[in-house]
Amino acid sequence: MKVVQAITTLISKYLPVWIVLLSFIAYFFSNVFIPIRSWTGAGLGMIFLLMGMSLSAEKLFSVIRNPKHALLGVLLKWTIMVTVTIGIAYLFFKENAEIATGVILAGTVPSGTSANIYTFIAGGEAALSITMATMDTFISPVLTPTLVQVFAGKLIPIAFWPLFINIIYIVFIPLLTGVLLQWKWAKRIEVVKPYTAVLSQLALFIVVLSVISNAQPSLQDNLSVLPKIFLAVFFQVTIPMVTGYVIAKLMKVPEENARAILFHTGICNTALAATLAMEHVSSLAAVPAVANMVVNLTIGAIVANLF
C-alpha cells in the first residue's frame, strides 16, 4: 500500500512533467506507439469509469442538498469558456477552418479529469469538483455537438448525431457504469478506491501517448503555426480560470469552492476533444486540443501549487 501511495504521489506531484515528457516521446518516436493509437477511447472510458467508482456518496449528497455552487460552476464553465473559445477561434484562426474548429471543440467538451486532481492539490472542495464534472458529463452529449455544429458548422460541416453517439459511448456509459458499480457493490469497490487515482493517471498517460502519436504528422506539418496555437490556447485556459475564480469570490463563494470552480471553468477534457476531432473533423483539428492538453495541465499544476 505504501508503495502505491509513493507512486501515486510521484505521478501526481510531477504530472505536468510526465505529460510534457510523454508528449515529446510520443512525437519523436510516434511509430513505437502505433499498437496503442486505437486505445484513446478506451483510455478515456476507463478514466470516466474510475471517476464514477470514486464518487463519495456522502459528500455528493451534501453538495446535492445545497447545489447552488455546483450549478454556478457549471454555468460559468459553459458560458465563460464557450464565449472565450468562440472569440479566440474567430480572432486567431478565422482563415483556417480546421484549426478554428479544433479550438472550438477543445472548449466545448466536459471539464477535464485533471481539474479534480488539481482541486484536491490546491485544497479546494473535491466533492464539488467531482459533482460539477459529473453534471458536465451528463449534459455534454447534447451541448458539445450542438455548440460545435452552431459555431464550427459555419466554418466546416459537422454532423451532430455521430458526435453525440461518440460522447455517449466514451463518456456517459462508462461514468454511469462506475456509479452503478459503486451503488450495487459498495464494499467491493472500497477495495479498488485507493487505486483509482493512480489508475486514472496511468490511463491519462495512455491517452496522451495515443493522441500525440496519432497527431504527430499534423503537428510536424504545421510547426510554423504551433506558436500561434499555443498562444491562443494559453488565453483559452487562463482567461476562464481567472474570470471564474473572480466571479465566484464576488458572489461570496467560500474559498475552497471558488478554487474548485477555477479549475472546472478553465480545464476541459481536451484528450476527448482531440479524439473527437480526429474521428469527426481531421487530424489537423486535433492539434489545438493537443496543445491545450499540455497547456492546461501545466498551468493547472502551477496554480494548484501556488494555492
C-alpha atoms as a PDB file:
ATOM      1  CA  MET A   1       0.000   0.000   0.000  1.00  0.00           C
ATOM      2  CA  LYS A   2       2.861   2.389   0.878  1.00  0.00           C
ATOM      3  CA  VAL A   3       4.485   1.642  -2.477  1.00  0.00           C
ATOM      4  CA  VAL A   4       1.247   2.504  -4.303  1.00  0.00           C
ATOM      5  CA  GLN A   5       0.906   5.735  -2.305  1.00  0.00           C
ATOM      6  CA  ALA A   6       4.508   6.664  -3.122  1.00  0.00           C
ATOM      7  CA  ILE A   7       3.955   6.005  -6.843  1.00  0.00           C
ATOM      8  CA  THR A   8       0.674   7.951  -6.782  1.00  0.00           C
ATOM      9  CA  THR A   9       2.369  10.911  -5.066  1.00  0.00           C
ATOM     10  CA  LEU A  10       5.266  10.823  -7.535  1.00  0.00           C
ATOM     11  CA  ILE A  11       2.906  10.780 -10.524  1.00  0.00           C
ATOM     12  CA  SER A  12       0.508  13.429  -9.134  1.00  0.00           C
ATOM     13  CA  LYS A  13       3.197  15.844  -7.935  1.00  0.00           C
ATOM     14  CA  TYR A  14       5.043  15.840 -11.253  1.00  0.00           C
ATOM     15  CA  LEU A  15       2.056  15.237 -13.547  1.00  0.00           C
ATOM     16  CA  PRO A  16       2.860  18.153 -15.912  1.00  0.00           C
ATOM     17  CA  VAL A  17       6.463  16.920 -16.201  1.00  0.00           C
ATOM     18  CA  TRP A  18       5.266  13.413 -17.117  1.00  0.00           C
ATOM     19  CA  ILE A  19       2.772  14.839 -19.611  1.00  0.00           C
ATOM     20  CA  VAL A  20       5.397  17.002 -21.349  1.00  0.00           C
ATOM     21  CA  LEU A  21       7.959  14.171 -21.307  1.00  0.00           C
ATOM     22  CA  LEU A  22       5.485  11.652 -22.734  1.00  0.00           C
ATOM     23  CA  SER A  23       4.376  14.222 -25.321  1.00  0.00           C
ATOM     24  CA  PHE A  24       7.938  14.583 -26.605  1.00  0.00           C
ATOM     25  CA  ILE A  25       8.444  10.808 -26.579  1.00  0.00           C
ATOM     26  CA  ALA A  26       5.197  10.234 -28.497  1.00  0.00           C
ATOM     27  CA  TYR A  27       6.140  12.932 -31.011  1.00  0.00           C
ATOM     28  CA  PHE A  28       9.714  11.841 -31.726  1.00  0.00           C
ATOM     29  CA  PHE A  29       9.048   8.080 -31.528  1.00  0.00           C
ATOM     30  CA  SER A  30       5.473   8.001 -32.839  1.00  0.00           C
ATOM     31  CA  ASN A  31       5.903   4.699 -34.702  1.00  0.00           C
ATOM     32  CA  VAL A  32       6.609   2.906 -31.419  1.00  0.00           C
ATOM     33  CA  PHE A  33       3.062   3.692 -30.281  1.00  0.00           C
ATOM     34  CA  ILE A  34       1.212   2.507 -33.392  1.00  0.00           C
ATOM     35  CA  PRO A  35      -0.226  -0.507 -31.454  1.00  0.00           C
ATOM     36  CA  ILE A  36      -1.922   1.780 -28.887  1.00  0.00           C
ATOM     37  CA  ARG A  37      -3.188   4.502 -31.238  1.00  0.00           C
ATOM     38  CA  SER A  38      -6.656   2.972 -31.140  1.00  0.00           C
ATOM     39  CA  TRP A  39      -6.713   2.916 -27.325  1.00  0.00           C
ATOM     40  CA  THR A  40      -7.645   6.583 -26.868  1.00  0.00           C
ATOM     41  CA  GLY A  41     -11.373   5.948 -26.493  1.00  0.00           C
ATOM     42  CA  ALA A  42     -10.750   3.014 -24.138  1.00  0.00           C
ATOM     43  CA  GLY A  43      -8.365   5.108 -22.015  1.00  0.00           C
ATOM     44  CA  LEU A  44     -10.890   7.931 -21.717  1.00  0.00           C
ATOM     45  CA  GLY A  45     -13.654   5.443 -20.952  1.00  0.00           C
ATOM     46  CA  MET A  46     -11.514   3.958 -18.155  1.00  0.00           C
ATOM     47  CA  ILE A  47     -10.986   7.430 -16.642  1.00  0.00           C
ATOM     48  CA  PHE A  48     -14.733   8.106 -16.568  1.00  0.00           C
ATOM     49  CA  LEU A  49     -15.441   4.616 -15.193  1.00  0.00           C
ATOM     50  CA  LEU A  50     -12.954   5.216 -12.347  1.00  0.00           C
ATOM     51  CA  MET A  51     -14.462   8.660 -11.744  1.00  0.00           C
ATOM     52  CA  GLY A  52     -17.870   7.087 -11.283  1.00  0.00           C
ATOM     53  CA  MET A  53     -16.430   4.468  -8.929  1.00  0.00           C
ATOM     54  CA  SER A  54     -14.596   7.040  -6.805  1.00  0.00           C
ATOM     55  CA  LEU A  55     -17.538   9.361  -6.138  1.00  0.00           C
ATOM     56  CA  SER A  56     -18.114   9.793  -2.393  1.00  0.00           C
ATOM     57  CA  ALA A  57     -21.845   9.313  -1.845  1.00  0.00           C
ATOM     58  CA  GLU A  58     -21.830  11.191   1.485  1.00  0.00           C
ATOM     59  CA  LYS A  59     -20.026  14.266   0.144  1.00  0.00           C
ATOM     60  CA  LEU A  60     -22.008  14.178  -3.078  1.00  0.00           C
ATOM     61  CA  PHE A  61     -25.292  14.193  -1.173  1.00  0.00           C
ATOM     62  CA  SER A  62     -24.112  17.220   0.832  1.00  0.00           C
ATOM     63  CA  VAL A  63     -23.373  19.050  -2.435  1.00  0.00           C
ATOM     64  CA  ILE A  64     -26.666  17.900  -3.984  1.00  0.00           C
ATOM     65  CA  ARG A  65     -28.611  19.139  -0.937  1.00  0.00           C
ATOM     66  CA  ASN A  66     -27.076  22.565  -1.495  1.00  0.00           C
ATOM     67  CA  PRO A  67     -26.400  22.609  -5.263  1.00  0.00           C
ATOM     68  CA  LYS A  68     -26.074  26.367  -5.854  1.00  0.00           C
ATOM     69  CA  HIS A  69     -22.260  26.321  -6.069  1.00  0.00           C
ATOM     70  CA  ALA A  70     -22.250  23.281  -8.376  1.00  0.00           C
ATOM     71  CA  LEU A  71     -24.842  24.924 -10.643  1.00  0.00           C
ATOM     72  CA  LEU A  72     -22.862  28.190 -10.598  1.00  0.00           C
ATOM     73  CA  GLY A  73     -19.646  26.389 -11.574  1.00  0.00           C
ATOM     74  CA  VAL A  74     -21.298  24.519 -14.446  1.00  0.00           C
ATOM     75  CA  LEU A  75     -22.998  27.720 -15.640  1.00  0.00           C
ATOM     76  CA  LEU A  76     -19.705  29.643 -15.569  1.00  0.00           C
ATOM     77  CA  LYS A  77     -17.908  26.861 -17.453  1.00  0.00           C
ATOM     78  CA  TRP A  78     -20.474  26.686 -20.253  1.00  0.00           C
ATOM     79  CA  THR A  79     -20.749  30.475 -20.619  1.00  0.00           C
ATOM     80  CA  ILE A  80     -17.273  31.885 -19.945  1.00  0.00           C
ATOM     81  CA  MET A  81     -15.274  29.066 -21.533  1.00  0.00           C
ATOM     82  CA  VAL A  82     -17.536  28.862 -24.594  1.00  0.00           C
ATOM     83  CA  THR A  83     -17.591  32.653 -25.085  1.00  0.00           C
ATOM     84  CA  VAL A  84     -13.799  32.955 -24.761  1.00  0.00           C
ATOM     85  CA  THR A  85     -13.293  29.923 -27.014  1.00  0.00           C
ATOM     86  CA  ILE A  86     -15.502  31.243 -29.815  1.00  0.00           C
ATOM     87  CA  GLY A  87     -13.819  34.643 -29.630  1.00  0.00           C
ATOM     88  CA  ILE A  88     -10.317  33.128 -29.787  1.00  0.00           C
ATOM     89  CA  ALA A  89     -11.224  30.739 -32.631  1.00  0.00           C
ATOM     90  CA  TYR A  90     -12.577  33.552 -34.804  1.00  0.00           C
ATOM     91  CA  LEU A  91      -9.909  36.081 -33.790  1.00  0.00           C
ATOM     92  CA  PHE A  92      -6.855  33.850 -34.302  1.00  0.00           C
ATOM     93  CA  PHE A  93      -7.945  31.291 -36.917  1.00  0.00           C
ATOM     94  CA  LYS A  94     -10.804  32.695 -38.975  1.00  0.00           C
ATOM     95  CA  GLU A  95      -8.839  31.895 -42.135  1.00  0.00           C
ATOM     96  CA  ASN A  96      -8.072  28.305 -41.058  1.00  0.00           C
ATOM     97  CA  ALA A  97     -11.369  26.466 -40.637  1.00  0.00           C
ATOM     98  CA  GLU A  98      -9.936  23.160 -39.378  1.00  0.00           C
ATOM     99  CA  ILE A  99      -7.810  24.714 -36.639  1.00  0.00           C
ATOM    100  CA  ALA A 100     -10.663  27.037 -35.631  1.00  0.00           C
ATOM    101  CA  THR A 101     -12.968  24.014 -35.370  1.00  0.00           C
ATOM    102  CA  GLY A 102     -10.388  22.237 -33.202  1.00  0.00           C
ATOM    103  CA  VAL A 103     -10.185  25.250 -30.863  1.00  0.00           C
ATOM    104  CA  ILE A 104     -13.990  25.336 -30.588  1.00  0.00           C
ATOM    105  CA  LEU A 105     -14.164  21.601 -29.889  1.00  0.00           C
ATOM    106  CA  ALA A 106     -11.451  21.932 -27.206  1.00  0.00           C
ATOM    107  CA  GLY A 107     -13.579  24.496 -25.346  1.00  0.00           C
ATOM    108  CA  THR A 108     -16.969  22.782 -25.627  1.00  0.00           C
ATOM    109  CA  VAL A 109     -16.225  19.387 -24.063  1.00  0.00           C
ATOM    110  CA  PRO A 110     -16.744  18.471 -20.364  1.00  0.00           C
ATOM    111  CA  SER A 111     -14.232  19.551 -17.737  1.00  0.00           C
ATOM    112  CA  GLY A 112     -11.003  17.561 -17.581  1.00  0.00           C
ATOM    113  CA  THR A 113     -10.227  14.871 -15.016  1.00  0.00           C
ATOM    114  CA  SER A 114      -7.117  16.859 -14.044  1.00  0.00           C
ATOM    115  CA  ALA A 115      -9.465  19.608 -12.740  1.00  0.00           C
ATOM    116  CA  ASN A 116     -10.458  17.184  -9.954  1.00  0.00           C
ATOM    117  CA  ILE A 117      -6.830  16.310  -9.215  1.00  0.00           C
ATOM    118  CA  TYR A 118      -5.696  19.942  -9.107  1.00  0.00           C
ATOM    119  CA  THR A 119      -8.666  20.964  -6.938  1.00  0.00           C
ATOM    120  CA  PHE A 120      -7.562  18.370  -4.377  1.00  0.00           C
ATOM    121  CA  ILE A 121      -3.901  19.522  -4.521  1.00  0.00           C
ATOM    122  CA  ALA A 122      -4.971  23.178  -4.165  1.00  0.00           C
ATOM    123  CA  GLY A 123      -7.046  22.483  -1.050  1.00  0.00           C
ATOM    124  CA  GLY A 124     -10.305  23.027  -2.904  1.00  0.00           C
ATOM    125  CA  GLU A 125     -13.572  21.151  -2.378  1.00  0.00           C
ATOM    126  CA  ALA A 126     -13.014  17.879  -4.261  1.00  0.00           C
ATOM    127  CA  ALA A 127     -16.639  16.722  -3.833  1.00  0.00           C
ATOM    128  CA  LEU A 128     -17.856  19.913  -5.529  1.00  0.00           C
ATOM    129  CA  SER A 129     -15.306  19.441  -8.323  1.00  0.00           C
ATOM    130  CA  ILE A 130     -16.409  15.858  -8.973  1.00  0.00           C
ATOM    131  CA  THR A 131     -20.085  16.848  -8.802  1.00  0.00           C
ATOM    132  CA  MET A 132     -19.563  19.600 -11.394  1.00  0.00           C
ATOM    133  CA  ALA A 133     -17.571  17.201 -13.598  1.00  0.00           C
ATOM    134  CA  THR A 134     -20.383  14.642 -13.338  1.00  0.00           C
ATOM    135  CA  MET A 135     -23.025  17.235 -14.245  1.00  0.00           C
ATOM    136  CA  ASP A 136     -20.813  18.360 -17.134  1.00  0.00           C
ATOM    137  CA  THR A 137     -20.512  14.797 -18.355  1.00  0.00           C
ATOM    138  CA  PHE A 138     -24.246  14.168 -18.318  1.00  0.00           C
ATOM    139  CA  ILE A 139     -25.122  17.332 -20.267  1.00  0.00           C
ATOM    140  CA  SER A 140     -22.173  17.289 -22.695  1.00  0.00           C
ATOM    141  CA  PRO A 141     -23.636  14.683 -25.098  1.00  0.00           C
ATOM    142  CA  VAL A 142     -26.196  17.337 -26.047  1.00  0.00           C
ATOM    143  CA  LEU A 143     -24.260  20.578 -25.510  1.00  0.00           C
ATOM    144  CA  THR A 144     -20.955  19.630 -27.182  1.00  0.00           C
ATOM    145  CA  PRO A 145     -22.288  18.574 -30.607  1.00  0.00           C
ATOM    146  CA  THR A 146     -24.866  21.383 -30.562  1.00  0.00           C
ATOM    147  CA  LEU A 147     -22.295  24.099 -29.828  1.00  0.00           C
ATOM    148  CA  VAL A 148     -19.793  22.679 -32.336  1.00  0.00           C
ATOM    149  CA  GLN A 149     -22.438  22.490 -35.036  1.00  0.00           C
ATOM    150  CA  VAL A 150     -23.738  26.013 -34.331  1.00  0.00           C
ATOM    151  CA  PHE A 151     -20.351  27.763 -34.145  1.00  0.00           C
ATOM    152  CA  ALA A 152     -17.940  25.498 -36.042  1.00  0.00           C
ATOM    153  CA  GLY A 153     -20.546  24.378 -38.569  1.00  0.00           C
ATOM    154  CA  LYS A 154     -20.208  27.788 -40.173  1.00  0.00           C
ATOM    155  CA  LEU A 155     -16.551  27.013 -40.772  1.00  0.00           C
ATOM    156  CA  ILE A 156     -16.669  23.330 -41.648  1.00  0.00           C
ATOM    157  CA  PRO A 157     -19.556  20.799 -41.879  1.00  0.00           C
ATOM    158  CA  ILE A 158     -20.121  18.966 -38.545  1.00  0.00           C
ATOM    159  CA  ALA A 159     -22.526  16.037 -38.153  1.00  0.00           C
ATOM    160  CA  PHE A 160     -24.465  16.205 -34.860  1.00  0.00           C
ATOM    161  CA  TRP A 161     -25.528  12.594 -34.298  1.00  0.00           C
ATOM    162  CA  PRO A 162     -22.189  10.785 -34.829  1.00  0.00           C
ATOM    163  CA  LEU A 163     -20.564  13.220 -32.390  1.00  0.00           C
ATOM    164  CA  PHE A 164     -23.440  12.757 -29.918  1.00  0.00           C
ATOM    165  CA  ILE A 165     -23.238   8.949 -30.046  1.00  0.00           C
ATOM    166  CA  ASN A 166     -19.451   9.003 -29.683  1.00  0.00           C
ATOM    167  CA  ILE A 167     -19.696  11.038 -26.469  1.00  0.00           C
ATOM    168  CA  ILE A 168     -22.387   8.664 -25.155  1.00  0.00           C
ATOM    169  CA  TYR A 169     -20.042   5.688 -25.675  1.00  0.00           C
ATOM    170  CA  ILE A 170     -16.847   7.303 -24.362  1.00  0.00           C
ATOM    171  CA  VAL A 171     -18.220   9.434 -21.519  1.00  0.00           C
ATOM    172  CA  PHE A 172     -21.793   8.758 -20.445  1.00  0.00           C
ATOM    173  CA  ILE A 173     -21.884   4.938 -20.373  1.00  0.00           C
ATOM    174  CA  PRO A 174     -18.542   4.439 -18.507  1.00  0.00           C
ATOM    175  CA  LEU A 175     -19.410   7.112 -15.904  1.00  0.00           C
ATOM    176  CA  LEU A 176     -22.882   5.673 -15.309  1.00  0.00           C
ATOM    177  CA  THR A 177     -21.405   2.162 -15.098  1.00  0.00           C
ATOM    178  CA  GLY A 178     -18.949   3.333 -12.418  1.00  0.00           C
ATOM    179  CA  VAL A 179     -21.753   4.918 -10.383  1.00  0.00           C
ATOM    180  CA  LEU A 180     -23.889   1.762 -10.662  1.00  0.00           C
ATOM    181  CA  LEU A 181     -20.963  -0.486  -9.664  1.00  0.00           C
ATOM    182  CA  GLN A 182     -20.405   1.609  -6.551  1.00  0.00           C
ATOM    183  CA  TRP A 183     -24.107   1.564  -5.694  1.00  0.00           C
ATOM    184  CA  LYS A 184     -24.524  -2.181  -6.277  1.00  0.00           C
ATOM    185  CA  TRP A 185     -21.213  -3.489  -4.866  1.00  0.00           C
ATOM    186  CA  ALA A 186     -20.109  -0.717  -2.498  1.00  0.00           C
ATOM    187  CA  LYS A 187     -17.945  -2.943  -0.249  1.00  0.00           C
ATOM    188  CA  ARG A 188     -16.042  -4.478  -3.163  1.00  0.00           C
ATOM    189  CA  ILE A 189     -15.489  -1.079  -4.763  1.00  0.00           C
ATOM    190  CA  GLU A 190     -13.979   0.187  -1.487  1.00  0.00           C
ATOM    191  CA  VAL A 191     -11.080  -2.208  -2.139  1.00  0.00           C
ATOM    192  CA  VAL A 192     -10.448  -0.582  -5.525  1.00  0.00           C
ATOM    193  CA  LYS A 193     -10.918   3.076  -4.457  1.00  0.00           C
ATOM    194  CA  PRO A 194      -7.373   3.619  -3.090  1.00  0.00           C
ATOM    195  CA  TYR A 195      -6.017   2.816  -6.557  1.00  0.00           C
ATOM    196  CA  THR A 196      -8.466   4.846  -8.684  1.00  0.00           C
ATOM    197  CA  ALA A 197      -6.269   7.990  -8.703  1.00  0.00           C
ATOM    198  CA  VAL A 198      -3.123   6.271  -9.956  1.00  0.00           C
ATOM    199  CA  LEU A 199      -5.099   4.142 -12.414  1.00  0.00           C
ATOM    200  CA  SER A 200      -6.773   7.285 -13.814  1.00  0.00           C
ATOM    201  CA  GLN A 201      -3.398   8.959 -14.267  1.00  0.00           C
ATOM    202  CA  LEU A 202      -1.928   5.879 -15.965  1.00  0.00           C
ATOM    203  CA  ALA A 203      -4.960   5.810 -18.277  1.00  0.00           C
ATOM    204  CA  LEU A 204      -4.323   9.507 -18.964  1.00  0.00           C
ATOM    205  CA  PHE A 205      -0.735   8.663 -19.952  1.00  0.00           C
ATOM    206  CA  ILE A 206      -2.022   6.096 -22.454  1.00  0.00           C
ATOM    207  CA  VAL A 207      -4.387   8.723 -23.858  1.00  0.00           C
ATOM    208  CA  VAL A 208      -1.550  11.267 -24.206  1.00  0.00           C
ATOM    209  CA  LEU A 209       0.713   8.763 -25.984  1.00  0.00           C
ATOM    210  CA  SER A 210      -2.036   7.618 -28.358  1.00  0.00           C
ATOM    211  CA  VAL A 211      -3.340  11.135 -29.116  1.00  0.00           C
ATOM    212  CA  ILE A 212       0.049  12.729 -29.789  1.00  0.00           C
ATOM    213  CA  SER A 213       1.467   9.802 -31.771  1.00  0.00           C
ATOM    214  CA  ASN A 214      -1.712   9.921 -33.882  1.00  0.00           C
ATOM    215  CA  ALA A 215      -1.450  13.684 -34.373  1.00  0.00           C
ATOM    216  CA  GLN A 216       2.326  13.648 -34.997  1.00  0.00           C
ATOM    217  CA  PRO A 217       2.129  14.055 -38.813  1.00  0.00           C
ATOM    218  CA  SER A 218      -0.197  17.067 -38.450  1.00  0.00           C
ATOM    219  CA  LEU A 219       1.980  18.565 -35.719  1.00  0.00           C
ATOM    220  CA  GLN A 220       5.071  18.150 -37.892  1.00  0.00           C
ATOM    221  CA  ASP A 221       3.360  19.602 -40.970  1.00  0.00           C
ATOM    222  CA  ASN A 222       2.202  22.664 -39.032  1.00  0.00           C
ATOM    223  CA  LEU A 223       5.228  23.514 -36.894  1.00  0.00           C
ATOM    224  CA  SER A 224       5.169  27.103 -38.181  1.00  0.00           C
ATOM    225  CA  VAL A 225       1.680  27.745 -36.760  1.00  0.00           C
ATOM    226  CA  LEU A 226       2.243  25.944 -33.424  1.00  0.00           C
ATOM    227  CA  PRO A 227       3.467  29.081 -31.560  1.00  0.00           C
ATOM    228  CA  LYS A 228       0.244  30.865 -32.551  1.00  0.00           C
ATOM    229  CA  ILE A 229      -1.835  27.855 -31.474  1.00  0.00           C
ATOM    230  CA  PHE A 230      -0.073  27.662 -28.092  1.00  0.00           C
ATOM    231  CA  LEU A 231      -0.598  31.396 -27.548  1.00  0.00           C
ATOM    232  CA  ALA A 232      -4.290  31.054 -28.404  1.00  0.00           C
ATOM    233  CA  VAL A 233      -4.866  28.081 -26.090  1.00  0.00           C
ATOM    234  CA  PHE A 234      -2.924  29.847 -23.303  1.00  0.00           C
ATOM    235  CA  PHE A 235      -5.593  32.578 -23.367  1.00  0.00           C
ATOM    236  CA  GLN A 236      -8.300  29.923 -23.800  1.00  0.00           C
ATOM    237  CA  VAL A 237      -7.247  28.333 -20.482  1.00  0.00           C
ATOM    238  CA  THR A 238      -6.181  31.311 -18.353  1.00  0.00           C
ATOM    239  CA  ILE A 239      -8.991  33.798 -19.085  1.00  0.00           C
ATOM    240  CA  PRO A 240     -11.805  31.406 -17.992  1.00  0.00           C
ATOM    241  CA  MET A 241      -9.749  30.320 -14.946  1.00  0.00           C
ATOM    242  CA  VAL A 242      -9.242  33.872 -13.678  1.00  0.00           C
ATOM    243  CA  THR A 243     -12.762  35.029 -14.601  1.00  0.00           C
ATOM    244  CA  GLY A 244     -14.446  32.009 -12.983  1.00  0.00           C
ATOM    245  CA  TYR A 245     -12.493  32.472  -9.745  1.00  0.00           C
ATOM    246  CA  VAL A 246     -13.099  36.246  -9.585  1.00  0.00           C
ATOM    247  CA  ILE A 247     -16.845  35.897 -10.204  1.00  0.00           C
ATOM    248  CA  ALA A 248     -17.079  33.123  -7.588  1.00  0.00           C
ATOM    249  CA  LYS A 249     -15.330  35.326  -4.993  1.00  0.00           C
ATOM    250  CA  LEU A 250     -17.514  38.335  -5.880  1.00  0.00           C
ATOM    251  CA  MET A 251     -20.554  36.115  -5.269  1.00  0.00           C
ATOM    252  CA  LYS A 252     -19.241  35.246  -1.769  1.00  0.00           C
ATOM    253  CA  VAL A 253     -18.473  31.627  -2.645  1.00  0.00           C
ATOM    254  CA  PRO A 254     -16.241  30.023   0.049  1.00  0.00           C
ATOM    255  CA  GLU A 255     -12.545  29.889  -0.877  1.00  0.00           C
ATOM    256  CA  GLU A 256     -12.344  26.078  -1.227  1.00  0.00           C
ATOM    257  CA  ASN A 257     -15.385  26.077  -3.523  1.00  0.00           C
ATOM    258  CA  ALA A 258     -14.023  29.027  -5.536  1.00  0.00           C
ATOM    259  CA  ARG A 259     -10.839  27.050  -6.180  1.00  0.00           C
ATOM    260  CA  ALA A 260     -12.867  24.097  -7.452  1.00  0.00           C
ATOM    261  CA  ILE A 261     -14.790  26.454  -9.761  1.00  0.00           C
ATOM    262  CA  LEU A 262     -11.500  27.961 -11.013  1.00  0.00           C
ATOM    263  CA  PHE A 263     -10.181  24.614 -12.270  1.00  0.00           C
ATOM    264  CA  HIS A 264     -13.589  23.486 -13.524  1.00  0.00           C
ATOM    265  CA  THR A 265     -14.038  26.651 -15.582  1.00  0.00           C
ATOM    266  CA  GLY A 266     -10.567  26.635 -17.143  1.00  0.00           C
ATOM    267  CA  ILE A 267      -9.710  22.971 -17.741  1.00  0.00           C
ATOM    268  CA  CYS A 268     -11.579  20.962 -20.384  1.00  0.00           C
ATOM    269  CA  ASN A 269     -11.163  17.302 -21.317  1.00  0.00           C
ATOM    270  CA  THR A 270      -9.015  18.113 -24.330  1.00  0.00           C
ATOM    271  CA  ALA A 271      -7.948  14.485 -24.758  1.00  0.00           C
ATOM    272  CA  LEU A 272     -11.608  13.784 -25.537  1.00  0.00           C
ATOM    273  CA  ALA A 273     -11.665  16.834 -27.832  1.00  0.00           C
ATOM    274  CA  ALA A 274      -8.611  15.551 -29.728  1.00  0.00           C
ATOM    275  CA  THR A 275     -10.231  12.119 -30.133  1.00  0.00           C
ATOM    276  CA  LEU A 276     -13.473  13.615 -31.420  1.00  0.00           C
ATOM    277  CA  ALA A 277     -11.571  15.970 -33.744  1.00  0.00           C
ATOM    278  CA  MET A 278      -9.610  13.121 -35.337  1.00  0.00           C
ATOM    279  CA  GLU A 279     -12.709  10.963 -35.751  1.00  0.00           C
ATOM    280  CA  HIS A 280     -15.150  13.632 -36.950  1.00  0.00           C
ATOM    281  CA  VAL A 281     -13.121  16.508 -38.423  1.00  0.00           C
ATOM    282  CA  SER A 282      -9.440  15.913 -39.230  1.00  0.00           C
ATOM    283  CA  SER A 283      -6.070  15.261 -37.607  1.00  0.00           C
ATOM    284  CA  LEU A 284      -5.229  18.962 -38.081  1.00  0.00           C
ATOM    285  CA  ALA A 285      -8.280  19.906 -35.989  1.00  0.00           C
ATOM    286  CA  ALA A 286      -6.835  17.771 -33.166  1.00  0.00           C
ATOM    287  CA  VAL A 287      -3.700  19.940 -32.934  1.00  0.00           C
ATOM    288  CA  PRO A 288      -5.313  22.754 -30.822  1.00  0.00           C
ATOM    289  CA  ALA A 289      -6.741  20.149 -28.442  1.00  0.00           C
ATOM    290  CA  VAL A 290      -3.316  18.508 -28.051  1.00  0.00           C
ATOM    291  CA  ALA A 291      -1.723  21.923 -27.402  1.00  0.00           C
ATOM    292  CA  ASN A 292      -4.492  22.781 -24.933  1.00  0.00           C
ATOM    293  CA  MET A 293      -3.938  19.471 -23.111  1.00  0.00           C
ATOM    294  CA  VAL A 294      -0.270  20.294 -22.484  1.00  0.00           C
ATOM    295  CA  VAL A 295      -1.032  23.926 -21.535  1.00  0.00           C
ATOM    296  CA  ASN A 296      -3.951  23.273 -19.168  1.00  0.00           C
ATOM    297  CA  LEU A 297      -2.090  20.503 -17.335  1.00  0.00           C
ATOM    298  CA  THR A 298       0.969  22.726 -16.868  1.00  0.00           C
ATOM    299  CA  ILE A 299      -0.906  25.874 -15.825  1.00  0.00           C
ATOM    300  CA  GLY A 300      -3.230  23.835 -13.602  1.00  0.00           C
ATOM    301  CA  ALA A 301      -0.246  22.370 -11.742  1.00  0.00           C
ATOM    302  CA  ILE A 302       1.358  25.800 -11.277  1.00  0.00           C
ATOM    303  CA  VAL A 303      -1.875  27.334  -9.935  1.00  0.00           C
ATOM    304  CA  ALA A 304      -2.520  24.349  -7.647  1.00  0.00           C
ATOM    305  CA  ASN A 305       0.991  24.603  -6.188  1.00  0.00           C
ATOM    306  CA  LEU A 306       0.625  28.368  -5.718  1.00  0.00           C
ATOM    307  CA  PHE A 307      -2.525  27.787  -3.669  1.00  0.00           C
END
